[in-house]
Amino acid sequence: MISEEERKKYVEFMYNPENEYNCDECPENKNFDDWEGKYPCGQQNCWVTCHCGEIME
């Protein structure tokens, strides 16, 4: 479980479109290698793009 402050920072990061593809700062960065064309978080889509897409629909 994360603290309220950590949750707030996570939400602020994920819902800020300026953070798209900012993998170095992303809290989901798990340093996976990209041999399958994935981001360091292991996903094929940017977490920030997905979060921001939720509020723009």
N, C-alpha and C. Protein backbone atom coordinates (compact mmCIF):
# COMPACT_ATOMS: atom_id res chain seq x y z
N MET A 1 0.85 -1.18 0.00
CA MET A 1 0.00 0.00 0.00
C MET A 1 0.90 1.25 0.00
N ILE A 2 0.48 2.26 -0.72
CA ILE A 2 1.27 3.49 -0.79
C ILE A 2 0.62 4.57 0.07
N SER A 3 1.44 5.51 0.45
CA SER A 3 0.94 6.61 1.28
C SER A 3 0.08 7.55 0.43
N GLU A 4 -0.69 8.38 1.10
CA GLU A 4 -1.54 9.34 0.40
C GLU A 4 -0.70 10.30 -0.44
N GLU A 5 0.45 10.70 0.08
CA GLU A 5 1.32 11.61 -0.67
C GLU A 5 1.87 10.94 -1.93
N GLU A 6 2.28 9.67 -1.81
CA GLU A 6 2.77 8.94 -2.98
C GLU A 6 1.66 8.77 -4.02
N ARG A 7 0.44 8.49 -3.56
CA ARG A 7 -0.70 8.35 -4.46
C ARG A 7 -0.96 9.65 -5.20
N LYS A 8 -0.88 10.76 -4.47
CA LYS A 8 -1.11 12.08 -5.07
C LYS A 8 -0.06 12.37 -6.15
N LYS A 9 1.21 12.08 -5.86
CA LYS A 9 2.28 12.29 -6.84
C LYS A 9 2.08 11.41 -8.08
N TYR A 10 1.65 10.18 -7.85
CA TYR A 10 1.39 9.25 -8.95
C TYR A 10 0.30 9.80 -9.86
N VAL A 11 -0.80 10.22 -9.27
CA VAL A 11 -1.93 10.75 -10.04
C VAL A 11 -1.53 12.02 -10.79
N GLU A 12 -0.80 12.90 -10.13
CA GLU A 12 -0.35 14.13 -10.79
C GLU A 12 0.54 13.82 -11.99
N PHE A 13 1.40 12.83 -11.85
CA PHE A 13 2.27 12.45 -12.96
C PHE A 13 1.47 11.84 -14.10
N MET A 14 0.62 10.88 -13.79
CA MET A 14 -0.10 10.13 -14.82
C MET A 14 -1.11 10.97 -15.59
N TYR A 15 -1.68 11.97 -14.97
CA TYR A 15 -2.70 12.78 -15.64
C TYR A 15 -2.15 14.09 -16.19
N ASN A 16 -0.82 14.19 -16.32
CA ASN A 16 -0.19 15.36 -16.92
C ASN A 16 0.32 14.98 -18.31
N PRO A 17 -0.33 15.47 -19.37
CA PRO A 17 0.08 15.10 -20.73
C PRO A 17 1.53 15.46 -21.06
N GLU A 18 2.11 16.38 -20.34
CA GLU A 18 3.51 16.74 -20.57
C GLU A 18 4.45 15.59 -20.19
N ASN A 19 3.95 14.62 -19.45
CA ASN A 19 4.77 13.48 -19.03
C ASN A 19 4.72 12.30 -19.99
N GLU A 20 4.02 12.46 -21.12
CA GLU A 20 3.97 11.36 -22.08
C GLU A 20 5.38 10.96 -22.51
N TYR A 21 5.64 9.68 -22.47
CA TYR A 21 6.92 9.08 -22.88
C TYR A 21 8.10 9.57 -22.04
N ASN A 22 7.84 10.06 -20.85
CA ASN A 22 8.90 10.46 -19.92
C ASN A 22 9.23 9.24 -19.05
N CYS A 23 9.72 8.21 -19.69
CA CYS A 23 9.94 6.92 -19.02
C CYS A 23 10.91 7.01 -17.85
N ASP A 24 11.90 7.87 -17.96
CA ASP A 24 12.90 7.97 -16.89
C ASP A 24 12.28 8.42 -15.57
N GLU A 25 11.23 9.21 -15.62
CA GLU A 25 10.60 9.73 -14.41
C GLU A 25 9.33 8.96 -14.02
N CYS A 26 8.85 8.11 -14.89
CA CYS A 26 7.57 7.42 -14.67
C CYS A 26 7.65 6.44 -13.50
N PRO A 27 6.65 6.49 -12.60
CA PRO A 27 6.64 5.57 -11.46
C PRO A 27 6.39 4.12 -11.88
N GLU A 28 5.94 3.87 -13.08
CA GLU A 28 5.72 2.50 -13.56
C GLU A 28 6.96 1.91 -14.23
N ASN A 29 8.03 2.69 -14.36
CA ASN A 29 9.25 2.23 -15.00
C ASN A 29 9.86 1.10 -14.16
N LYS A 30 9.92 -0.09 -14.74
CA LYS A 30 10.49 -1.25 -14.05
C LYS A 30 11.80 -1.70 -14.69
N ASN A 31 12.32 -0.87 -15.61
CA ASN A 31 13.58 -1.14 -16.31
C ASN A 31 13.57 -2.45 -17.09
N PHE A 32 12.42 -2.81 -17.67
CA PHE A 32 12.37 -3.96 -18.56
C PHE A 32 13.16 -3.62 -19.82
N ASP A 33 13.76 -4.64 -20.44
CA ASP A 33 14.43 -4.36 -21.71
C ASP A 33 13.37 -4.25 -22.80
N ASP A 34 13.76 -3.68 -23.92
CA ASP A 34 12.77 -3.40 -24.97
C ASP A 34 12.90 -4.34 -26.17
N TRP A 35 13.33 -5.54 -25.94
CA TRP A 35 13.52 -6.46 -27.06
C TRP A 35 12.21 -6.75 -27.79
N GLU A 36 11.08 -6.57 -27.16
CA GLU A 36 9.79 -6.78 -27.81
C GLU A 36 9.16 -5.46 -28.26
N GLY A 37 9.92 -4.37 -28.23
CA GLY A 37 9.40 -3.07 -28.62
C GLY A 37 8.51 -2.45 -27.56
N LYS A 38 8.71 -2.85 -26.31
CA LYS A 38 7.90 -2.31 -25.22
C LYS A 38 8.67 -1.22 -24.49
N TYR A 39 7.94 -0.46 -23.71
CA TYR A 39 8.55 0.59 -22.90
C TYR A 39 9.17 -0.03 -21.65
N PRO A 40 9.98 0.74 -20.89
CA PRO A 40 10.64 0.20 -19.70
C PRO A 40 9.68 -0.34 -18.63
N CYS A 41 8.41 0.03 -18.73
CA CYS A 41 7.41 -0.48 -17.78
C CYS A 41 6.91 -1.86 -18.20
N GLY A 42 7.26 -2.28 -19.41
CA GLY A 42 6.81 -3.57 -19.91
C GLY A 42 5.54 -3.49 -20.74
N GLN A 43 5.01 -2.30 -20.94
CA GLN A 43 3.77 -2.11 -21.69
C GLN A 43 4.05 -1.65 -23.12
N GLN A 44 3.07 -1.84 -23.99
CA GLN A 44 3.20 -1.39 -25.37
C GLN A 44 2.66 0.02 -25.55
N ASN A 45 1.92 0.51 -24.59
CA ASN A 45 1.36 1.87 -24.63
C ASN A 45 1.84 2.64 -23.40
N CYS A 46 2.04 3.92 -23.59
CA CYS A 46 2.47 4.78 -22.48
C CYS A 46 1.34 4.89 -21.45
N TRP A 47 1.68 4.69 -20.18
CA TRP A 47 0.70 4.80 -19.10
C TRP A 47 0.06 6.18 -19.08
N VAL A 48 0.86 7.22 -19.27
CA VAL A 48 0.35 8.59 -19.23
C VAL A 48 -0.63 8.82 -20.37
N THR A 49 -0.30 8.34 -21.56
CA THR A 49 -1.20 8.48 -22.70
C THR A 49 -2.54 7.82 -22.39
N CYS A 50 -2.50 6.65 -21.80
CA CYS A 50 -3.74 5.94 -21.46
C CYS A 50 -4.54 6.69 -20.40
N HIS A 51 -3.87 7.19 -19.37
CA HIS A 51 -4.57 7.93 -18.33
C HIS A 51 -5.17 9.23 -18.88
N CYS A 52 -4.40 9.96 -19.66
CA CYS A 52 -4.90 11.22 -20.22
C CYS A 52 -6.03 10.97 -21.21
N GLY A 53 -5.97 9.87 -21.92
CA GLY A 53 -7.03 9.52 -22.85
C GLY A 53 -8.36 9.31 -22.15
N GLU A 54 -8.30 8.82 -20.89
CA GLU A 54 -9.52 8.61 -20.11
C GLU A 54 -10.26 9.92 -19.87
N ILE A 55 -9.52 10.99 -19.61
CA ILE A 55 -10.18 12.25 -19.28
C ILE A 55 -10.55 13.06 -20.51
N MET A 56 -10.00 12.69 -21.67
CA MET A 56 -10.28 13.44 -22.89
C MET A 56 -11.41 12.82 -23.71
N GLU A 57 -11.90 11.67 -23.29
CA GLU A 57 -12.97 10.99 -24.03
C GLU A 57 -14.32 11.55 -23.66
